[in-house]
Amino acid sequence: MITKEMTITEILRRYPETLPVFERHGLDCYDCQIAEFEQLEHGATVHKVDIETLLDDLNRHTRK
């Protein structure tokens, strides 16, 4: 399960299938130098993305 405390890089390493979700929400954080250290919640806040909506979408995308 993806949480808002996880870093963006951690999410993408564990769940590479979530890349389109990040793109759909306008988050190109995966290409950012601080993605390894930036928590998902911070990235969402900076880009004005609702964290709960993003989390729901990311976690829905990881369910098989």
PDB file of N, CA and C in Angstrom:
ATOM      1  N   MET A   1       0.834  -1.183   0.000  1.00  0.00           N
ATOM      2  CA  MET A   1       0.000   0.000   0.000  1.00  0.00           C
ATOM      3  C   MET A   1       0.881   1.251   0.000  1.00  0.00           C
ATOM      4  N   ILE A   2       0.529   2.194  -0.830  1.00  0.00           N
ATOM      5  CA  ILE A   2       1.253   3.444  -0.936  1.00  0.00           C
ATOM      6  C   ILE A   2       0.709   4.422   0.105  1.00  0.00           C
ATOM      7  N   THR A   3       1.632   5.089   0.800  1.00  0.00           N
ATOM      8  CA  THR A   3       1.237   6.079   1.804  1.00  0.00           C
ATOM      9  C   THR A   3       1.838   7.433   1.448  1.00  0.00           C
ATOM     10  N   LYS A   4       1.304   8.483   2.031  1.00  0.00           N
ATOM     11  CA  LYS A   4       1.776   9.835   1.730  1.00  0.00           C
ATOM     12  C   LYS A   4       3.160  10.109   2.295  1.00  0.00           C
ATOM     13  N   GLU A   5       3.634   9.260   3.202  1.00  0.00           N
ATOM     14  CA  GLU A   5       4.966   9.429   3.774  1.00  0.00           C
ATOM     15  C   GLU A   5       6.071   8.823   2.905  1.00  0.00           C
ATOM     16  N   MET A   6       5.690   7.996   1.955  1.00  0.00           N
ATOM     17  CA  MET A   6       6.680   7.358   1.081  1.00  0.00           C
ATOM     18  C   MET A   6       7.276   8.386   0.128  1.00  0.00           C
ATOM     19  N   THR A   7       8.528   8.173  -0.257  1.00  0.00           N
ATOM     20  CA  THR A   7       9.127   9.083  -1.232  1.00  0.00           C
ATOM     21  C   THR A   7       8.641   8.691  -2.630  1.00  0.00           C
ATOM     22  N   ILE A   8       8.714   9.639  -3.524  1.00  0.00           N
ATOM     23  CA  ILE A   8       8.267   9.408  -4.893  1.00  0.00           C
ATOM     24  C   ILE A   8       9.120   8.324  -5.552  1.00  0.00           C
ATOM     25  N   THR A   9      10.418   8.381  -5.332  1.00  0.00           N
ATOM     26  CA  THR A   9      11.306   7.363  -5.902  1.00  0.00           C
ATOM     27  C   THR A   9      10.982   5.985  -5.350  1.00  0.00           C
ATOM     28  N   GLU A  10      10.724   5.899  -4.063  1.00  0.00           N
ATOM     29  CA  GLU A  10      10.378   4.621  -3.433  1.00  0.00           C
ATOM     30  C   GLU A  10       9.124   4.033  -4.077  1.00  0.00           C
ATOM     31  N   ILE A  11       8.131   4.866  -4.300  1.00  0.00           N
ATOM     32  CA  ILE A  11       6.885   4.403  -4.921  1.00  0.00           C
ATOM     33  C   ILE A  11       7.163   3.881  -6.325  1.00  0.00           C
ATOM     34  N   LEU A  12       7.912   4.645  -7.097  1.00  0.00           N
ATOM     35  CA  LEU A  12       8.176   4.241  -8.479  1.00  0.00           C
ATOM     36  C   LEU A  12       9.060   3.001  -8.571  1.00  0.00           C
ATOM     37  N   ARG A  13       9.948   2.812  -7.621  1.00  0.00           N
ATOM     38  CA  ARG A  13      10.775   1.590  -7.612  1.00  0.00           C
ATOM     39  C   ARG A  13       9.923   0.368  -7.281  1.00  0.00           C
ATOM     40  N   ARG A  14       9.053   0.501  -6.296  1.00  0.00           N
ATOM     41  CA  ARG A  14       8.208  -0.624  -5.886  1.00  0.00           C
ATOM     42  C   ARG A  14       7.061  -0.876  -6.862  1.00  0.00           C
ATOM     43  N   TYR A  15       6.540   0.210  -7.404  1.00  0.00           N
ATOM     44  CA  TYR A  15       5.348   0.122  -8.260  1.00  0.00           C
ATOM     45  C   TYR A  15       5.567   0.920  -9.545  1.00  0.00           C
ATOM     46  N   PRO A  16       6.411   0.452 -10.443  1.00  0.00           N
ATOM     47  CA  PRO A  16       6.690   1.208 -11.672  1.00  0.00           C
ATOM     48  C   PRO A  16       5.443   1.439 -12.526  1.00  0.00           C
ATOM     49  N   GLU A  17       4.433   0.637 -12.324  1.00  0.00           N
ATOM     50  CA  GLU A  17       3.189   0.795 -13.082  1.00  0.00           C
ATOM     51  C   GLU A  17       2.421   2.059 -12.705  1.00  0.00           C
ATOM     52  N   THR A  18       2.873   2.762 -11.656  1.00  0.00           N
ATOM     53  CA  THR A  18       2.192   3.993 -11.241  1.00  0.00           C
ATOM     54  C   THR A  18       2.670   5.237 -12.013  1.00  0.00           C
ATOM     55  N   LEU A  19       3.677   5.094 -12.834  1.00  0.00           N
ATOM     56  CA  LEU A  19       4.185   6.241 -13.587  1.00  0.00           C
ATOM     57  C   LEU A  19       3.085   6.984 -14.348  1.00  0.00           C
ATOM     58  N   PRO A  20       2.184   6.287 -15.063  1.00  0.00           N
ATOM     59  CA  PRO A  20       1.111   7.010 -15.755  1.00  0.00           C
ATOM     60  C   PRO A  20       0.190   7.781 -14.809  1.00  0.00           C
ATOM     61  N   VAL A  21       0.048   7.313 -13.580  1.00  0.00           N
ATOM     62  CA  VAL A  21      -0.787   8.004 -12.597  1.00  0.00           C
ATOM     63  C   VAL A  21      -0.139   9.347 -12.236  1.00  0.00           C
ATOM     64  N   PHE A  22       1.161   9.320 -11.988  1.00  0.00           N
ATOM     65  CA  PHE A  22       1.877  10.569 -11.702  1.00  0.00           C
ATOM     66  C   PHE A  22       1.707  11.538 -12.866  1.00  0.00           C
ATOM     67  N   GLU A  23       1.879  11.043 -14.076  1.00  0.00           N
ATOM     68  CA  GLU A  23       1.762  11.895 -15.265  1.00  0.00           C
ATOM     69  C   GLU A  23       0.354  12.458 -15.412  1.00  0.00           C
ATOM     70  N   ARG A  24      -0.650  11.632 -15.164  1.00  0.00           N
ATOM     71  CA  ARG A  24      -2.045  12.062 -15.285  1.00  0.00           C
ATOM     72  C   ARG A  24      -2.370  13.196 -14.315  1.00  0.00           C
ATOM     73  N   HIS A  25      -1.723  13.180 -13.185  1.00  0.00           N
ATOM     74  CA  HIS A  25      -1.954  14.213 -12.165  1.00  0.00           C
ATOM     75  C   HIS A  25      -1.023  15.409 -12.354  1.00  0.00           C
ATOM     76  N   GLY A  26      -0.247  15.398 -13.424  1.00  0.00           N
ATOM     77  CA  GLY A  26       0.637  16.518 -13.707  1.00  0.00           C
ATOM     78  C   GLY A  26       1.888  16.552 -12.855  1.00  0.00           C
ATOM     79  N   LEU A  27       2.251  15.398 -12.310  1.00  0.00           N
ATOM     80  CA  LEU A  27       3.438  15.316 -11.456  1.00  0.00           C
ATOM     81  C   LEU A  27       4.578  14.669 -12.232  1.00  0.00           C
ATOM     82  N   ASP A  28       5.549  15.461 -12.609  1.00  0.00           N
ATOM     83  CA  ASP A  28       6.722  14.903 -13.268  1.00  0.00           C
ATOM     84  C   ASP A  28       7.867  14.795 -12.261  1.00  0.00           C
ATOM     85  N   CYS A  29       7.495  14.569 -11.018  1.00  0.00           N
ATOM     86  CA  CYS A  29       8.452  14.500  -9.913  1.00  0.00           C
ATOM     87  C   CYS A  29       9.460  13.368 -10.092  1.00  0.00           C
ATOM     88  N   TYR A  30       9.095  12.349 -10.815  1.00  0.00           N
ATOM     89  CA  TYR A  30       9.993  11.217 -11.016  1.00  0.00           C
ATOM     90  C   TYR A  30      11.275  11.664 -11.715  1.00  0.00           C
ATOM     91  N   ASP A  31      11.209  12.768 -12.420  1.00  0.00           N
ATOM     92  CA  ASP A  31      12.353  13.278 -13.162  1.00  0.00           C
ATOM     93  C   ASP A  31      13.104  14.355 -12.367  1.00  0.00           C
ATOM     94  N   CYS A  32      12.615  14.649 -11.188  1.00  0.00           N
ATOM     95  CA  CYS A  32      13.178  15.717 -10.357  1.00  0.00           C
ATOM     96  C   CYS A  32      14.325  15.159  -9.503  1.00  0.00           C
ATOM     97  N   GLN A  33      15.310  16.001  -9.252  1.00  0.00           N
ATOM     98  CA  GLN A  33      16.468  15.575  -8.469  1.00  0.00           C
ATOM     99  C   GLN A  33      16.134  15.246  -7.018  1.00  0.00           C
ATOM    100  N   ILE A  34      15.063  15.833  -6.488  1.00  0.00           N
ATOM    101  CA  ILE A  34      14.756  15.579  -5.073  1.00  0.00           C
ATOM    102  C   ILE A  34      13.720  14.466  -4.871  1.00  0.00           C
ATOM    103  N   ALA A  35      13.331  13.794  -5.950  1.00  0.00           N
ATOM    104  CA  ALA A  35      12.313  12.738  -5.846  1.00  0.00           C
ATOM    105  C   ALA A  35      12.721  11.639  -4.880  1.00  0.00           C
ATOM    106  N   GLU A  36      14.019  11.426  -4.748  1.00  0.00           N
ATOM    107  CA  GLU A  36      14.503  10.386  -3.844  1.00  0.00           C
ATOM    108  C   GLU A  36      14.248  10.736  -2.385  1.00  0.00           C
ATOM    109  N   PHE A  37      14.149  12.025  -2.111  1.00  0.00           N
ATOM    110  CA  PHE A  37      13.989  12.491  -0.731  1.00  0.00           C
ATOM    111  C   PHE A  37      12.615  13.082  -0.450  1.00  0.00           C
ATOM    112  N   GLU A  38      11.892  13.433  -1.499  1.00  0.00           N
ATOM    113  CA  GLU A  38      10.617  14.133  -1.336  1.00  0.00           C
ATOM    114  C   GLU A  38       9.472  13.160  -1.062  1.00  0.00           C
ATOM    115  N   GLN A  39       8.765  13.397   0.021  1.00  0.00           N
ATOM    116  CA  GLN A  39       7.607  12.574   0.325  1.00  0.00           C
ATOM    117  C   GLN A  39       6.471  12.917  -0.636  1.00  0.00           C
ATOM    118  N   LEU A  40       5.645  11.928  -0.899  1.00  0.00           N
ATOM    119  CA  LEU A  40       4.531  12.094  -1.820  1.00  0.00           C
ATOM    120  C   LEU A  40       3.657  13.273  -1.433  1.00  0.00           C
ATOM    121  N   GLU A  41       3.358  13.415  -0.159  1.00  0.00           N
ATOM    122  CA  GLU A  41       2.487  14.499   0.285  1.00  0.00           C
ATOM    123  C   GLU A  41       3.082  15.867  -0.052  1.00  0.00           C
ATOM    124  N   HIS A  42       4.368  16.020   0.122  1.00  0.00           N
ATOM    125  CA  HIS A  42       5.008  17.303  -0.180  1.00  0.00           C
ATOM    126  C   HIS A  42       4.941  17.592  -1.679  1.00  0.00           C
ATOM    127  N   GLY A  43       5.243  16.598  -2.497  1.00  0.00           N
ATOM    128  CA  GLY A  43       5.175  16.778  -3.947  1.00  0.00           C
ATOM    129  C   GLY A  43       3.782  17.153  -4.407  1.00  0.00           C
ATOM    130  N   ALA A  44       2.787  16.515  -3.832  1.00  0.00           N
ATOM    131  CA  ALA A  44       1.400  16.815  -4.190  1.00  0.00           C
ATOM    132  C   ALA A  44       1.043  18.242  -3.780  1.00  0.00           C
ATOM    133  N   THR A  45       1.461  18.640  -2.594  1.00  0.00           N
ATOM    134  CA  THR A  45       1.164  19.983  -2.102  1.00  0.00           C
ATOM    135  C   THR A  45       1.809  21.045  -2.991  1.00  0.00           C
ATOM    136  N   VAL A  46       3.057  20.851  -3.336  1.00  0.00           N
ATOM    137  CA  VAL A  46       3.777  21.808  -4.170  1.00  0.00           C
ATOM    138  C   VAL A  46       3.084  21.989  -5.528  1.00  0.00           C
ATOM    139  N   HIS A  47       2.549  20.886  -6.055  1.00  0.00           N
ATOM    140  CA  HIS A  47       1.906  20.923  -7.378  1.00  0.00           C
ATOM    141  C   HIS A  47       0.390  21.103  -7.296  1.00  0.00           C
ATOM    142  N   LYS A  48      -0.094  21.376  -6.080  1.00  0.00           N
ATOM    143  CA  LYS A  48      -1.527  21.626  -5.855  1.00  0.00           C
ATOM    144  C   LYS A  48      -2.409  20.462  -6.312  1.00  0.00           C
ATOM    145  N   VAL A  49      -1.968  19.259  -5.955  1.00  0.00           N
ATOM    146  CA  VAL A  49      -2.717  18.044  -6.244  1.00  0.00           C
ATOM    147  C   VAL A  49      -3.293  17.535  -4.929  1.00  0.00           C
ATOM    148  N   ASP A  50      -4.564  17.190  -4.931  1.00  0.00           N
ATOM    149  CA  ASP A  50      -5.203  16.662  -3.723  1.00  0.00           C
ATOM    150  C   ASP A  50      -4.572  15.319  -3.358  1.00  0.00           C
ATOM    151  N   ILE A  51      -3.973  15.248  -2.182  1.00  0.00           N
ATOM    152  CA  ILE A  51      -3.235  14.052  -1.770  1.00  0.00           C
ATOM    153  C   ILE A  51      -4.139  12.826  -1.654  1.00  0.00           C
ATOM    154  N   GLU A  52      -5.333  12.996  -1.161  1.00  0.00           N
ATOM    155  CA  GLU A  52      -6.221  11.835  -1.001  1.00  0.00           C
ATOM    156  C   GLU A  52      -6.638  11.265  -2.355  1.00  0.00           C
ATOM    157  N   THR A  53      -6.929  12.127  -3.303  1.00  0.00           N
ATOM    158  CA  THR A  53      -7.282  11.672  -4.656  1.00  0.00           C
ATOM    159  C   THR A  53      -6.103  10.957  -5.297  1.00  0.00           C
ATOM    160  N   LEU A  54      -4.915  11.541  -5.144  1.00  0.00           N
ATOM    161  CA  LEU A  54      -3.709  10.936  -5.702  1.00  0.00           C
ATOM    162  C   LEU A  54      -3.444   9.574  -5.072  1.00  0.00           C
ATOM    163  N   LEU A  55      -3.540   9.493  -3.748  1.00  0.00           N
ATOM    164  CA  LEU A  55      -3.325   8.214  -3.063  1.00  0.00           C
ATOM    165  C   LEU A  55      -4.317   7.159  -3.532  1.00  0.00           C
ATOM    166  N   ASP A  56      -5.572   7.522  -3.635  1.00  0.00           N
ATOM    167  CA  ASP A  56      -6.588   6.574  -4.107  1.00  0.00           C
ATOM    168  C   ASP A  56      -6.241   6.065  -5.492  1.00  0.00           C
ATOM    169  N   ASP A  57      -5.875   6.977  -6.373  1.00  0.00           N
ATOM    170  CA  ASP A  57      -5.544   6.608  -7.750  1.00  0.00           C
ATOM    171  C   ASP A  57      -4.299   5.722  -7.799  1.00  0.00           C
ATOM    172  N   LEU A  58      -3.278   6.087  -7.045  1.00  0.00           N
ATOM    173  CA  LEU A  58      -2.051   5.286  -7.020  1.00  0.00           C
ATOM    174  C   LEU A  58      -2.323   3.880  -6.485  1.00  0.00           C
ATOM    175  N   ASN A  59      -3.038   3.793  -5.375  1.00  0.00           N
ATOM    176  CA  ASN A  59      -3.303   2.479  -4.778  1.00  0.00           C
ATOM    177  C   ASN A  59      -4.236   1.638  -5.627  1.00  0.00           C
ATOM    178  N   ARG A  60      -5.162   2.266  -6.305  1.00  0.00           N
ATOM    179  CA  ARG A  60      -6.034   1.527  -7.220  1.00  0.00           C
ATOM    180  C   ARG A  60      -5.220   0.944  -8.369  1.00  0.00           C
ATOM    181  N   HIS A  61      -4.222   1.658  -8.783  1.00  0.00           N
ATOM    182  CA  HIS A  61      -3.378   1.228  -9.906  1.00  0.00           C
ATOM    183  C   HIS A  61      -2.448   0.074  -9.542  1.00  0.00           C
ATOM    184  N   THR A  62      -2.186  -0.120  -8.256  1.00  0.00           N
ATOM    185  CA  THR A  62      -1.278  -1.187  -7.836  1.00  0.00           C
ATOM    186  C   THR A  62      -2.014  -2.481  -7.522  1.00  0.00           C
ATOM    187  N   ARG A  63      -3.311  -2.438  -7.450  1.00  0.00           N
ATOM    188  CA  ARG A  63      -4.090  -3.652  -7.164  1.00  0.00           C
ATOM    189  C   ARG A  63      -4.195  -4.477  -8.426  1.00  0.00           C
ATOM    190  N   LYS A  64      -3.932  -5.718  -8.280  1.00  0.00           N
ATOM    191  CA  LYS A  64      -3.979  -6.618  -9.437  1.00  0.00           C
ATOM    192  C   LYS A  64      -5.255  -7.419  -9.433  1.00  0.00           C
TER     193      LYS A  64
END
